[in-house]
Amino acid sequence: MYKSVIRPLLFRFDPEKVHHFTFSSIRFLNSIPGIPSVLNSVYEVSDPKLEREVFGLKFKNPVGLAAGLDKDAKLYKELSGLGFGFIEIGTLTPKPQEGNPKKRLFRLREDSAIINRMGFNNGGVAAAVERLKKNPKGKGHVLIGGNIGKNKVTPNEDAVSDYEICFDALYDYVDYFVVNVSSPNTPNLRELQDKEPLTKLLQTLQDKNNTKPKAKPILLKIAPDLTDDQLLDIIDIVNITKIAGVIATNTTISREGLQSGNKSEMGGLSGKPLAKRSTEVIRFLSEKSNKAFPIIGVGGIHTAEDAMEKLEAGASLVQLYTGFIYEGPGLIKDICKRLLGS
């Protein structure tokens, strides 16, 4: 029903407006008594065989929502009810910011892809924390990852302090952290992926983490556009800083092989065209590190087979974003059933 009725209707309108409309619709549906249970029964596959323990956390299944969809932690409970094993919020910054000028989100239908140049638009970390306080600690807890970044106006030499502010604010309310230095939509942000500044950033956060009563997993989200030498640097940095793992990958600036007429729009590309490169990066990191750390695989997962390729390449968990938009919540169920061999 999603691909035959709902998606064609939604895709007739501006992508960013549709995003807000869809969020409002999901929130409204979940406010109707009985509807959350119905949605959960339709989409969630519950089986102990799907559970995964990764970097000390127990995931009910290995299929998560990637950062970018629920930037401000406004819908994590409702999205979790569609079958996701975990939800990653953000990217959050210390201060609220508008992001880049609109129009900044583009569907590439012929390529089953999206280009975005959102620019870390979010309401600030403090506002997200207030919503996360409603996530219970025990039964009913939604496993949350907090994806953090820097404000656009913060120069790179002061970036560490922005990440520290977000880390401190979120520490009590998320289960793991993701350091985002790989978005192409904040000027000069990707320069922080260079070995020296990245090591400093991660080591500072890890040192702060180790002063807490219980350290929480810190992951690094990397770009698919890194060279093999840069990926070897990433492995070295993970070993030096002892962070928990890597998310591979963010969006790409490549436009190779695209068919859509709006392929030249500036921004990060996600979706099917990213699938092969993302899997290559996962396999490279896994093999060259001798599986020294967990990897969350994201990029171009539109079918259960796409997810299996990521897992077989060395990923411990996977995340959806563009595939979720194109294929609908049934994709989560398909992946879980494929993992169960049914």
C-alpha atoms as a PDB file:
ATOM      1  CA  MET A   1       0.000   0.000   0.000  1.00  0.00           C
ATOM      2  CA  TYR A   2       2.832   2.401   0.804  1.00  0.00           C
ATOM      3  CA  LYS A   3       4.577   2.115  -2.571  1.00  0.00           C
ATOM      4  CA  SER A   4       1.383   1.905  -4.628  1.00  0.00           C
ATOM      5  CA  VAL A   5      -0.753   4.568  -2.916  1.00  0.00           C
ATOM      6  CA  ILE A   6       0.968   6.600  -0.206  1.00  0.00           C
ATOM      7  CA  ARG A   7       4.358   7.230  -1.832  1.00  0.00           C
ATOM      8  CA  PRO A   8       2.990   8.416  -5.224  1.00  0.00           C
ATOM      9  CA  LEU A   9       0.784  10.885  -3.359  1.00  0.00           C
ATOM     10  CA  LEU A  10       3.539  12.186  -1.091  1.00  0.00           C
ATOM     11  CA  PHE A  11       6.035  12.445  -3.948  1.00  0.00           C
ATOM     12  CA  ARG A  12       3.768  14.951  -5.729  1.00  0.00           C
ATOM     13  CA  PHE A  13       4.769  17.620  -3.206  1.00  0.00           C
ATOM     14  CA  ASP A  14       7.893  19.409  -1.973  1.00  0.00           C
ATOM     15  CA  PRO A  15      10.077  16.941  -0.031  1.00  0.00           C
ATOM     16  CA  GLU A  16      10.653  19.152   3.016  1.00  0.00           C
ATOM     17  CA  LYS A  17       6.971  20.058   3.331  1.00  0.00           C
ATOM     18  CA  VAL A  18       6.088  16.376   2.978  1.00  0.00           C
ATOM     19  CA  HIS A  19       8.533  15.555   5.761  1.00  0.00           C
ATOM     20  CA  HIS A  20       6.720  17.857   8.193  1.00  0.00           C
ATOM     21  CA  PHE A  21       3.304  16.659   6.994  1.00  0.00           C
ATOM     22  CA  THR A  22       4.308  13.017   7.459  1.00  0.00           C
ATOM     23  CA  PHE A  23       5.623  13.684  10.969  1.00  0.00           C
ATOM     24  CA  SER A  24       2.346  15.389  11.889  1.00  0.00           C
ATOM     25  CA  SER A  25       0.352  12.513  10.406  1.00  0.00           C
ATOM     26  CA  ILE A  26       2.315   9.839  12.253  1.00  0.00           C
ATOM     27  CA  ARG A  27       1.964  11.779  15.509  1.00  0.00           C
ATOM     28  CA  PHE A  28      -1.796  12.155  14.966  1.00  0.00           C
ATOM     29  CA  LEU A  29      -2.279   8.467  14.145  1.00  0.00           C
ATOM     30  CA  ASN A  30      -0.386   7.462  17.254  1.00  0.00           C
ATOM     31  CA  SER A  31      -2.635   9.674  19.380  1.00  0.00           C
ATOM     32  CA  ILE A  32      -5.674   7.557  18.454  1.00  0.00           C
ATOM     33  CA  PRO A  33      -6.268   4.800  21.041  1.00  0.00           C
ATOM     34  CA  GLY A  34      -5.334   1.388  19.699  1.00  0.00           C
ATOM     35  CA  ILE A  35      -3.546   2.611  16.579  1.00  0.00           C
ATOM     36  CA  PRO A  36       0.010   2.313  17.989  1.00  0.00           C
ATOM     37  CA  SER A  37      -0.669  -1.334  18.833  1.00  0.00           C
ATOM     38  CA  VAL A  38      -2.036  -1.981  15.341  1.00  0.00           C
ATOM     39  CA  LEU A  39       0.984  -0.372  13.654  1.00  0.00           C
ATOM     40  CA  ASN A  40       3.324  -2.298  15.905  1.00  0.00           C
ATOM     41  CA  SER A  41       1.612  -5.594  15.159  1.00  0.00           C
ATOM     42  CA  VAL A  42       1.763  -4.935  11.402  1.00  0.00           C
ATOM     43  CA  TYR A  43       5.393  -3.861  11.157  1.00  0.00           C
ATOM     44  CA  GLU A  44       7.394  -5.198  14.093  1.00  0.00           C
ATOM     45  CA  VAL A  45       9.044  -8.610  13.966  1.00  0.00           C
ATOM     46  CA  SER A  46       9.814  -9.692  17.517  1.00  0.00           C
ATOM     47  CA  ASP A  47      12.152 -12.637  18.002  1.00  0.00           C
ATOM     48  CA  PRO A  48      15.057 -13.226  20.411  1.00  0.00           C
ATOM     49  CA  LYS A  49      17.118 -14.388  17.419  1.00  0.00           C
ATOM     50  CA  LEU A  50      17.101 -10.803  16.110  1.00  0.00           C
ATOM     51  CA  GLU A  51      18.689  -9.381  19.249  1.00  0.00           C
ATOM     52  CA  ARG A  52      22.244  -8.101  18.989  1.00  0.00           C
ATOM     53  CA  GLU A  53      24.693  -7.031  21.666  1.00  0.00           C
ATOM     54  CA  VAL A  54      27.043  -4.423  20.238  1.00  0.00           C
ATOM     55  CA  PHE A  55      29.437  -2.109  22.137  1.00  0.00           C
ATOM     56  CA  GLY A  56      27.778  -3.188  25.378  1.00  0.00           C
ATOM     57  CA  LEU A  57      24.229  -2.344  24.328  1.00  0.00           C
ATOM     58  CA  LYS A  58      21.386  -4.751  23.640  1.00  0.00           C
ATOM     59  CA  PHE A  59      19.466  -4.045  20.433  1.00  0.00           C
ATOM     60  CA  LYS A  60      16.100  -5.748  19.911  1.00  0.00           C
ATOM     61  CA  ASN A  61      16.976  -6.023  16.229  1.00  0.00           C
ATOM     62  CA  PRO A  62      19.876  -4.737  14.108  1.00  0.00           C
ATOM     63  CA  VAL A  63      17.862  -2.314  11.934  1.00  0.00           C
ATOM     64  CA  GLY A  64      17.998   1.315  13.023  1.00  0.00           C
ATOM     65  CA  LEU A  65      16.915   4.705  11.756  1.00  0.00           C
ATOM     66  CA  ALA A  66      19.845   6.847  10.637  1.00  0.00           C
ATOM     67  CA  ALA A  67      20.325  10.410  11.808  1.00  0.00           C
ATOM     68  CA  GLY A  68      18.692  13.167   9.792  1.00  0.00           C
ATOM     69  CA  LEU A  69      15.054  12.103   9.808  1.00  0.00           C
ATOM     70  CA  ASP A  70      14.232  12.786  13.459  1.00  0.00           C
ATOM     71  CA  LYS A  71      16.739  15.574  13.988  1.00  0.00           C
ATOM     72  CA  ASP A  72      15.075  17.037  17.074  1.00  0.00           C
ATOM     73  CA  ALA A  73      13.907  13.855  18.852  1.00  0.00           C
ATOM     74  CA  LYS A  74      10.284  14.718  18.120  1.00  0.00           C
ATOM     75  CA  LEU A  75       9.080  11.320  16.927  1.00  0.00           C
ATOM     76  CA  TYR A  76      11.447   8.662  18.276  1.00  0.00           C
ATOM     77  CA  LYS A  77       8.747   6.716  20.144  1.00  0.00           C
ATOM     78  CA  GLU A  78       6.371   6.584  17.193  1.00  0.00           C
ATOM     79  CA  LEU A  79       9.134   5.641  14.726  1.00  0.00           C
ATOM     80  CA  SER A  80      10.345   2.922  17.058  1.00  0.00           C
ATOM     81  CA  GLY A  81       6.829   1.477  16.946  1.00  0.00           C
ATOM     82  CA  LEU A  82       7.263   0.843  13.211  1.00  0.00           C
ATOM     83  CA  GLY A  83       9.810  -1.867  13.972  1.00  0.00           C
ATOM     84  CA  PHE A  84      13.165  -0.109  14.277  1.00  0.00           C
ATOM     85  CA  GLY A  85      15.614  -1.619  16.734  1.00  0.00           C
ATOM     86  CA  PHE A  86      17.085   1.778  17.555  1.00  0.00           C
ATOM     87  CA  ILE A  87      16.706   5.436  16.611  1.00  0.00           C
ATOM     88  CA  GLU A  88      19.491   7.925  15.964  1.00  0.00           C
ATOM     89  CA  ILE A  89      18.515  11.541  16.503  1.00  0.00           C
ATOM     90  CA  GLY A  90      20.318  14.648  15.268  1.00  0.00           C
ATOM     91  CA  THR A  91      22.551  16.001  14.049  1.00  0.00           C
ATOM     92  CA  LEU A  92      22.192  18.318  17.058  1.00  0.00           C
ATOM     93  CA  THR A  93      24.214  21.465  17.667  1.00  0.00           C
ATOM     94  CA  PRO A  94      24.641  23.549  20.849  1.00  0.00           C
ATOM     95  CA  LYS A  95      22.530  26.448  19.577  1.00  0.00           C
ATOM     96  CA  PRO A  96      19.431  26.275  17.372  1.00  0.00           C
ATOM     97  CA  GLN A  97      20.107  27.072  13.721  1.00  0.00           C
ATOM     98  CA  GLU A  98      18.002  27.487  10.594  1.00  0.00           C
ATOM     99  CA  GLY A  99      20.296  25.532   8.310  1.00  0.00           C
ATOM    100  CA  ASN A 100      20.863  26.430   4.680  1.00  0.00           C
ATOM    101  CA  PRO A 101      18.396  28.419   2.560  1.00  0.00           C
ATOM    102  CA  LYS A 102      15.476  26.540   1.017  1.00  0.00           C
ATOM    103  CA  LYS A 103      15.016  24.759  -1.370  1.00  0.00           C
ATOM    104  CA  ARG A 104      17.510  22.282   0.061  1.00  0.00           C
ATOM    105  CA  LEU A 105      16.034  18.792  -0.306  1.00  0.00           C
ATOM    106  CA  PHE A 106      15.642  17.048  -3.680  1.00  0.00           C
ATOM    107  CA  ARG A 107      14.318  13.676  -4.795  1.00  0.00           C
ATOM    108  CA  LEU A 108      16.164  11.929  -7.619  1.00  0.00           C
ATOM    109  CA  ARG A 109      13.414   9.502  -8.557  1.00  0.00           C
ATOM    110  CA  GLU A 110      15.160   7.848 -11.494  1.00  0.00           C
ATOM    111  CA  ASP A 111      18.047   7.004  -9.181  1.00  0.00           C
ATOM    112  CA  SER A 112      16.029   6.187  -6.015  1.00  0.00           C
ATOM    113  CA  ALA A 113      18.103   8.820  -4.269  1.00  0.00           C
ATOM    114  CA  ILE A 114      17.963  12.098  -2.391  1.00  0.00           C
ATOM    115  CA  ILE A 115      20.229  15.130  -2.395  1.00  0.00           C
ATOM    116  CA  ASN A 116      20.135  17.282   0.711  1.00  0.00           C
ATOM    117  CA  ARG A 117      21.953  20.413   1.754  1.00  0.00           C
ATOM    118  CA  MET A 118      20.029  20.952   4.968  1.00  0.00           C
ATOM    119  CA  GLY A 119      23.009  22.256   6.950  1.00  0.00           C
ATOM    120  CA  PHE A 120      22.339  20.858  10.459  1.00  0.00           C
ATOM    121  CA  ASN A 121      18.973  22.603  10.805  1.00  0.00           C
ATOM    122  CA  ASN A 122      17.790  21.830  14.339  1.00  0.00           C
ATOM    123  CA  GLY A 123      16.261  23.401  17.413  1.00  0.00           C
ATOM    124  CA  GLY A 124      19.373  23.023  19.538  1.00  0.00           C
ATOM    125  CA  VAL A 125      20.440  20.317  21.951  1.00  0.00           C
ATOM    126  CA  ALA A 126      18.578  21.709  24.991  1.00  0.00           C
ATOM    127  CA  ALA A 127      15.184  21.427  23.291  1.00  0.00           C
ATOM    128  CA  ALA A 128      15.904  17.838  22.238  1.00  0.00           C
ATOM    129  CA  VAL A 129      16.909  16.932  25.800  1.00  0.00           C
ATOM    130  CA  GLU A 130      13.486  18.006  27.086  1.00  0.00           C
ATOM    131  CA  ARG A 131      11.838  15.524  24.709  1.00  0.00           C
ATOM    132  CA  LEU A 132      14.302  12.762  25.538  1.00  0.00           C
ATOM    133  CA  LYS A 133      13.417  13.085  29.225  1.00  0.00           C
ATOM    134  CA  LYS A 134      10.128  11.381  28.302  1.00  0.00           C
ATOM    135  CA  ASN A 135      11.965   8.203  27.224  1.00  0.00           C
ATOM    136  CA  PRO A 136      11.567   5.721  30.111  1.00  0.00           C
ATOM    137  CA  LYS A 137      14.660   3.978  31.448  1.00  0.00           C
ATOM    138  CA  GLY A 138      13.128   0.520  31.850  1.00  0.00           C
ATOM    139  CA  LYS A 139      10.311  -1.156  29.949  1.00  0.00           C
ATOM    140  CA  GLY A 140       9.343   0.804  26.860  1.00  0.00           C
ATOM    141  CA  HIS A 141      12.764   2.436  26.556  1.00  0.00           C
ATOM    142  CA  VAL A 142      13.685   3.386  22.995  1.00  0.00           C
ATOM    143  CA  LEU A 143      17.386   2.845  22.378  1.00  0.00           C
ATOM    144  CA  ILE A 144      18.660   6.236  21.230  1.00  0.00           C
ATOM    145  CA  GLY A 145      21.841   7.384  19.531  1.00  0.00           C
ATOM    146  CA  GLY A 146      22.761  11.044  19.796  1.00  0.00           C
ATOM    147  CA  ASN A 147      24.396  12.426  16.650  1.00  0.00           C
ATOM    148  CA  ILE A 148      26.274  15.640  17.448  1.00  0.00           C
ATOM    149  CA  GLY A 149      27.908  18.402  15.409  1.00  0.00           C
ATOM    150  CA  LYS A 150      29.045  21.998  15.522  1.00  0.00           C
ATOM    151  CA  ASN A 151      27.186  25.190  14.770  1.00  0.00           C
ATOM    152  CA  LYS A 152      27.867  26.725  11.370  1.00  0.00           C
ATOM    153  CA  VAL A 153      29.199  29.951  12.927  1.00  0.00           C
ATOM    154  CA  THR A 154      31.694  28.081  15.118  1.00  0.00           C
ATOM    155  CA  PRO A 155      35.150  28.071  13.504  1.00  0.00           C
ATOM    156  CA  ASN A 156      36.887  24.720  13.209  1.00  0.00           C
ATOM    157  CA  GLU A 157      39.530  25.700  15.758  1.00  0.00           C
ATOM    158  CA  ASP A 158      36.723  26.025  18.351  1.00  0.00           C
ATOM    159  CA  ALA A 159      34.713  23.015  17.182  1.00  0.00           C
ATOM    160  CA  VAL A 160      35.730  20.748  20.056  1.00  0.00           C
ATOM    161  CA  SER A 161      33.833  22.909  22.548  1.00  0.00           C
ATOM    162  CA  ASP A 162      30.595  22.560  20.523  1.00  0.00           C
ATOM    163  CA  TYR A 163      30.889  18.777  20.584  1.00  0.00           C
ATOM    164  CA  GLU A 164      31.616  18.861  24.332  1.00  0.00           C
ATOM    165  CA  ILE A 165      28.521  20.974  24.995  1.00  0.00           C
ATOM    166  CA  CYS A 166      26.323  18.494  23.121  1.00  0.00           C
ATOM    167  CA  PHE A 167      28.002  15.521  24.795  1.00  0.00           C
ATOM    168  CA  ASP A 168      27.416  16.909  28.287  1.00  0.00           C
ATOM    169  CA  ALA A 169      23.811  17.864  27.562  1.00  0.00           C
ATOM    170  CA  LEU A 170      22.885  14.486  26.071  1.00  0.00           C
ATOM    171  CA  TYR A 171      24.924  12.183  28.297  1.00  0.00           C
ATOM    172  CA  ASP A 172      22.055  11.192  30.617  1.00  0.00           C
ATOM    173  CA  TYR A 173      19.526  10.764  27.800  1.00  0.00           C
ATOM    174  CA  VAL A 174      21.136   8.806  24.960  1.00  0.00           C
ATOM    175  CA  ASP A 175      22.566   5.298  24.823  1.00  0.00           C
ATOM    176  CA  TYR A 176      25.430   6.059  22.444  1.00  0.00           C
ATOM    177  CA  PHE A 177      26.999   9.059  20.738  1.00  0.00           C
ATOM    178  CA  VAL A 178      27.886   9.720  17.110  1.00  0.00           C
ATOM    179  CA  VAL A 179      30.447  12.361  16.191  1.00  0.00           C
ATOM    180  CA  ASN A 180      29.494  13.821  12.833  1.00  0.00           C
ATOM    181  CA  VAL A 181      32.391  15.456  11.008  1.00  0.00           C
ATOM    182  CA  SER A 182      31.406  14.109   7.594  1.00  0.00           C
ATOM    183  CA  SER A 183      28.415  16.135   6.453  1.00  0.00           C
ATOM    184  CA  PRO A 184      29.222  18.040   3.227  1.00  0.00           C
ATOM    185  CA  ASN A 185      26.663  20.741   4.059  1.00  0.00           C
ATOM    186  CA  THR A 186      28.467  22.699   6.791  1.00  0.00           C
ATOM    187  CA  PRO A 187      31.372  24.733   5.379  1.00  0.00           C
ATOM    188  CA  ASN A 188      34.796  23.217   6.158  1.00  0.00           C
ATOM    189  CA  LEU A 189      33.328  20.571   8.481  1.00  0.00           C
ATOM    190  CA  ARG A 190      34.950  17.690   6.603  1.00  0.00           C
ATOM    191  CA  GLU A 191      38.372  19.195   7.330  1.00  0.00           C
ATOM    192  CA  LEU A 192      37.853  17.853  10.851  1.00  0.00           C
ATOM    193  CA  GLN A 193      38.231  14.342   9.372  1.00  0.00           C
ATOM    194  CA  ASP A 194      41.959  14.979   8.943  1.00  0.00           C
ATOM    195  CA  LYS A 195      43.972  12.857  11.313  1.00  0.00           C
ATOM    196  CA  GLU A 196      45.282  15.481  13.730  1.00  0.00           C
ATOM    197  CA  PRO A 197      42.064  17.457  14.416  1.00  0.00           C
ATOM    198  CA  LEU A 198      39.957  14.298  14.451  1.00  0.00           C
ATOM    199  CA  THR A 199      42.222  12.554  16.948  1.00  0.00           C
ATOM    200  CA  LYS A 200      42.123  15.629  19.180  1.00  0.00           C
ATOM    201  CA  LEU A 201      38.325  15.869  18.987  1.00  0.00           C
ATOM    202  CA  LEU A 202      37.688  12.201  19.712  1.00  0.00           C
ATOM    203  CA  GLN A 203      40.309  12.006  22.452  1.00  0.00           C
ATOM    204  CA  THR A 204      38.819  15.048  24.194  1.00  0.00           C
ATOM    205  CA  LEU A 205      35.349  13.477  24.147  1.00  0.00           C
ATOM    206  CA  GLN A 206      36.678  10.100  25.230  1.00  0.00           C
ATOM    207  CA  ASP A 207      38.597  11.666  28.124  1.00  0.00           C
ATOM    208  CA  LYS A 208      35.395  13.410  29.218  1.00  0.00           C
ATOM    209  CA  ASN A 209      33.505  10.137  28.749  1.00  0.00           C
ATOM    210  CA  ASN A 210      35.919   8.312  31.029  1.00  0.00           C
ATOM    211  CA  THR A 211      35.210  10.743  33.880  1.00  0.00           C
ATOM    212  CA  LYS A 212      31.542   9.751  33.891  1.00  0.00           C
ATOM    213  CA  PRO A 213      30.149   7.090  36.236  1.00  0.00           C
ATOM    214  CA  LYS A 214      29.639   4.876  33.184  1.00  0.00           C
ATOM    215  CA  ALA A 215      31.290   5.601  29.852  1.00  0.00           C
ATOM    216  CA  LYS A 216      28.942   5.513  26.867  1.00  0.00           C
ATOM    217  CA  PRO A 217      29.869   4.272  23.390  1.00  0.00           C
ATOM    218  CA  ILE A 218      31.202   6.982  21.083  1.00  0.00           C
ATOM    219  CA  LEU A 219      31.103   6.300  17.355  1.00  0.00           C
ATOM    220  CA  LEU A 220      32.519   8.237  14.430  1.00  0.00           C
ATOM    221  CA  LYS A 221      30.442   8.797  11.289  1.00  0.00           C
ATOM    222  CA  ILE A 222      32.631   8.979   8.202  1.00  0.00           C
ATOM    223  CA  ALA A 223      32.197  10.063   4.587  1.00  0.00           C
ATOM    224  CA  PRO A 224      32.187   7.548   1.723  1.00  0.00           C
ATOM    225  CA  ASP A 225      34.550   9.820  -0.195  1.00  0.00           C
ATOM    226  CA  LEU A 226      37.625   9.027   1.916  1.00  0.00           C
ATOM    227  CA  THR A 227      40.627   7.435   0.192  1.00  0.00           C
ATOM    228  CA  ASP A 228      42.108   4.109   1.319  1.00  0.00           C
ATOM    229  CA  ASP A 229      44.913   5.984   3.074  1.00  0.00           C
ATOM    230  CA  GLN A 230      42.379   8.120   4.913  1.00  0.00           C
ATOM    231  CA  LEU A 231      40.433   5.005   5.914  1.00  0.00           C
ATOM    232  CA  LEU A 232      43.639   3.518   7.298  1.00  0.00           C
ATOM    233  CA  ASP A 233      44.001   6.730   9.303  1.00  0.00           C
ATOM    234  CA  ILE A 234      40.478   6.193  10.647  1.00  0.00           C
ATOM    235  CA  ILE A 235      41.438   2.699  11.828  1.00  0.00           C
ATOM    236  CA  ASP A 236      44.508   4.146  13.519  1.00  0.00           C
ATOM    237  CA  ILE A 237      42.469   6.905  15.178  1.00  0.00           C
ATOM    238  CA  VAL A 238      39.935   4.390  16.535  1.00  0.00           C
ATOM    239  CA  ASN A 239      42.810   2.368  18.004  1.00  0.00           C
ATOM    240  CA  ILE A 240      44.426   5.464  19.546  1.00  0.00           C
ATOM    241  CA  THR A 241      41.292   7.010  21.048  1.00  0.00           C
ATOM    242  CA  LYS A 242      39.578   3.708  21.934  1.00  0.00           C
ATOM    243  CA  ILE A 243      36.194   4.916  20.700  1.00  0.00           C
ATOM    244  CA  ALA A 244      33.549   2.209  20.311  1.00  0.00           C
ATOM    245  CA  GLY A 245      33.152   2.051  16.544  1.00  0.00           C
ATOM    246  CA  VAL A 246      32.383   3.654  13.190  1.00  0.00           C
ATOM    247  CA  ILE A 247      29.281   4.464  11.162  1.00  0.00           C
ATOM    248  CA  ALA A 248      29.932   3.964   7.459  1.00  0.00           C
ATOM    249  CA  THR A 249      28.820   6.006   5.662  1.00  0.00           C
ATOM    250  CA  ASN A 250      27.398   9.512   5.471  1.00  0.00           C
ATOM    251  CA  THR A 251      26.227  11.057   2.184  1.00  0.00           C
ATOM    252  CA  THR A 252      28.531  11.431  -0.808  1.00  0.00           C
ATOM    253  CA  ILE A 253      29.503  14.413  -2.943  1.00  0.00           C
ATOM    254  CA  SER A 254      29.985  12.099  -5.944  1.00  0.00           C
ATOM    255  CA  ARG A 255      27.471  12.256  -8.800  1.00  0.00           C
ATOM    256  CA  GLU A 256      28.832   9.338 -10.813  1.00  0.00           C
ATOM    257  CA  GLY A 257      26.293   7.416 -12.875  1.00  0.00           C
ATOM    258  CA  LEU A 258      23.223   9.458 -11.970  1.00  0.00           C
ATOM    259  CA  GLN A 259      20.309   9.687 -14.401  1.00  0.00           C
ATOM    260  CA  SER A 260      18.012  12.259 -12.783  1.00  0.00           C
ATOM    261  CA  GLY A 261      17.703  15.735 -14.267  1.00  0.00           C
ATOM    262  CA  ASN A 262      18.401  17.458 -10.938  1.00  0.00           C
ATOM    263  CA  LYS A 263      21.576  15.474 -10.249  1.00  0.00           C
ATOM    264  CA  SER A 264      23.732  18.615 -10.273  1.00  0.00           C
ATOM    265  CA  GLU A 265      22.128  20.095  -7.151  1.00  0.00           C
ATOM    266  CA  MET A 266      24.685  20.816  -4.443  1.00  0.00           C
ATOM    267  CA  GLY A 267      24.632  18.727  -1.281  1.00  0.00           C
ATOM    268  CA  GLY A 268      25.054  15.201  -0.027  1.00  0.00           C
ATOM    269  CA  LEU A 269      23.690  12.297  -2.064  1.00  0.00           C
ATOM    270  CA  SER A 270      22.023   9.332  -0.359  1.00  0.00           C
ATOM    271  CA  GLY A 271      20.122   6.307  -1.591  1.00  0.00           C
ATOM    272  CA  LYS A 272      20.758   3.493  -4.060  1.00  0.00           C
ATOM    273  CA  PRO A 273      23.770   5.091  -5.822  1.00  0.00           C
ATOM    274  CA  LEU A 274      25.629   5.021  -2.503  1.00  0.00           C
ATOM    275  CA  ALA A 275      25.088   1.308  -1.816  1.00  0.00           C
ATOM    276  CA  LYS A 276      28.201  -0.095  -3.481  1.00  0.00           C
ATOM    277  CA  ARG A 277      30.671   2.466  -2.118  1.00  0.00           C
ATOM    278  CA  SER A 278      29.259   2.259   1.396  1.00  0.00           C
ATOM    279  CA  THR A 279      29.669  -1.522   1.378  1.00  0.00           C
ATOM    280  CA  GLU A 280      33.219  -1.172   0.043  1.00  0.00           C
ATOM    281  CA  VAL A 281      34.112   1.119   2.941  1.00  0.00           C
ATOM    282  CA  ILE A 282      32.576  -1.284   5.462  1.00  0.00           C
ATOM    283  CA  ARG A 283      34.497  -4.222   4.018  1.00  0.00           C
ATOM    284  CA  PHE A 284      37.774  -2.265   3.912  1.00  0.00           C
ATOM    285  CA  LEU A 285      37.483  -1.140   7.540  1.00  0.00           C
ATOM    286  CA  SER A 286      36.471  -4.592   8.717  1.00  0.00           C
ATOM    287  CA  GLU A 287      39.233  -6.448   6.889  1.00  0.00           C
ATOM    288  CA  LYS A 288      42.069  -3.969   7.432  1.00  0.00           C
ATOM    289  CA  SER A 289      41.290  -3.641  11.145  1.00  0.00           C
ATOM    290  CA  ASN A 290      40.846  -7.402  11.537  1.00  0.00           C
ATOM    291  CA  LYS A 291      37.321  -6.687  12.842  1.00  0.00           C
ATOM    292  CA  ALA A 292      38.780  -4.682  15.720  1.00  0.00           C
ATOM    293  CA  PHE A 293      35.642  -2.559  16.240  1.00  0.00           C
ATOM    294  CA  PRO A 294      31.921  -2.649  15.383  1.00  0.00           C
ATOM    295  CA  ILE A 295      30.636  -0.908  12.267  1.00  0.00           C
ATOM    296  CA  ILE A 296      27.115   0.376  11.649  1.00  0.00           C
ATOM    297  CA  GLY A 297      26.409   0.120   7.928  1.00  0.00           C
ATOM    298  CA  VAL A 298      24.299   2.775   6.236  1.00  0.00           C
ATOM    299  CA  GLY A 299      23.939   3.874   2.640  1.00  0.00           C
ATOM    300  CA  GLY A 300      21.701   2.633  -0.148  1.00  0.00           C
ATOM    301  CA  ILE A 301      19.744  -0.028   1.742  1.00  0.00           C
ATOM    302  CA  HIS A 302      16.502  -0.407  -0.216  1.00  0.00           C
ATOM    303  CA  THR A 303      15.977  -4.175   0.085  1.00  0.00           C
ATOM    304  CA  ALA A 304      16.623  -6.939   2.585  1.00  0.00           C
ATOM    305  CA  GLU A 305      19.410  -8.165   0.319  1.00  0.00           C
ATOM    306  CA  ASP A 306      21.087  -4.736   0.513  1.00  0.00           C
ATOM    307  CA  ALA A 307      21.112  -5.036   4.295  1.00  0.00           C
ATOM    308  CA  MET A 308      22.536  -8.552   4.141  1.00  0.00           C
ATOM    309  CA  GLU A 309      25.380  -7.304   1.932  1.00  0.00           C
ATOM    310  CA  LYS A 310      26.310  -4.719   4.568  1.00  0.00           C
ATOM    311  CA  LEU A 311      26.204  -7.298   7.350  1.00  0.00           C
ATOM    312  CA  GLU A 312      28.210  -9.818   5.359  1.00  0.00           C
ATOM    313  CA  ALA A 313      30.789  -7.114   4.560  1.00  0.00           C
ATOM    314  CA  GLY A 314      31.397  -6.642   8.276  1.00  0.00           C
ATOM    315  CA  ALA A 315      28.651  -4.434   9.695  1.00  0.00           C
ATOM    316  CA  SER A 316      27.189  -5.389  13.068  1.00  0.00           C
ATOM    317  CA  LEU A 317      24.097  -3.202  12.642  1.00  0.00           C
ATOM    318  CA  VAL A 318      22.485  -1.306   9.762  1.00  0.00           C
ATOM    319  CA  GLN A 319      20.563   1.940   9.450  1.00  0.00           C
ATOM    320  CA  LEU A 320      17.959   3.214   6.995  1.00  0.00           C
ATOM    321  CA  TYR A 321      17.150   6.693   5.782  1.00  0.00           C
ATOM    322  CA  THR A 322      16.491   7.134   2.061  1.00  0.00           C
ATOM    323  CA  GLY A 323      15.442   3.501   1.669  1.00  0.00           C
ATOM    324  CA  PHE A 324      12.858   4.044   4.411  1.00  0.00           C
ATOM    325  CA  ILE A 325      11.447   7.021   2.485  1.00  0.00           C
ATOM    326  CA  TYR A 326      11.316   5.175  -0.841  1.00  0.00           C
ATOM    327  CA  GLU A 327      10.279   1.729   0.397  1.00  0.00           C
ATOM    328  CA  GLY A 328       8.279   2.496   3.553  1.00  0.00           C
ATOM    329  CA  PRO A 329       8.246   0.786   6.956  1.00  0.00           C
ATOM    330  CA  GLY A 330       7.722  -2.611   5.360  1.00  0.00           C
ATOM    331  CA  LEU A 331      11.455  -2.575   4.585  1.00  0.00           C
ATOM    332  CA  ILE A 332      12.318  -2.961   8.282  1.00  0.00           C
ATOM    333  CA  LYS A 333      10.057  -6.007   8.493  1.00  0.00           C
ATOM    334  CA  ASP A 334      11.531  -7.485   5.288  1.00  0.00           C
ATOM    335  CA  ILE A 335      15.076  -7.210   6.663  1.00  0.00           C
ATOM    336  CA  CYS A 336      14.157  -8.776   9.993  1.00  0.00           C
ATOM    337  CA  LYS A 337      12.315 -11.639   8.303  1.00  0.00           C
ATOM    338  CA  ARG A 338      15.275 -12.193   5.972  1.00  0.00           C
ATOM    339  CA  LEU A 339      17.571 -12.408   9.004  1.00  0.00           C
ATOM    340  CA  LEU A 340      15.261 -15.054  10.462  1.00  0.00           C
ATOM    341  CA  GLY A 341      15.340 -16.992   7.189  1.00  0.00           C
ATOM    342  CA  SER A 342      11.646 -16.528   6.507  1.00  0.00           C
END
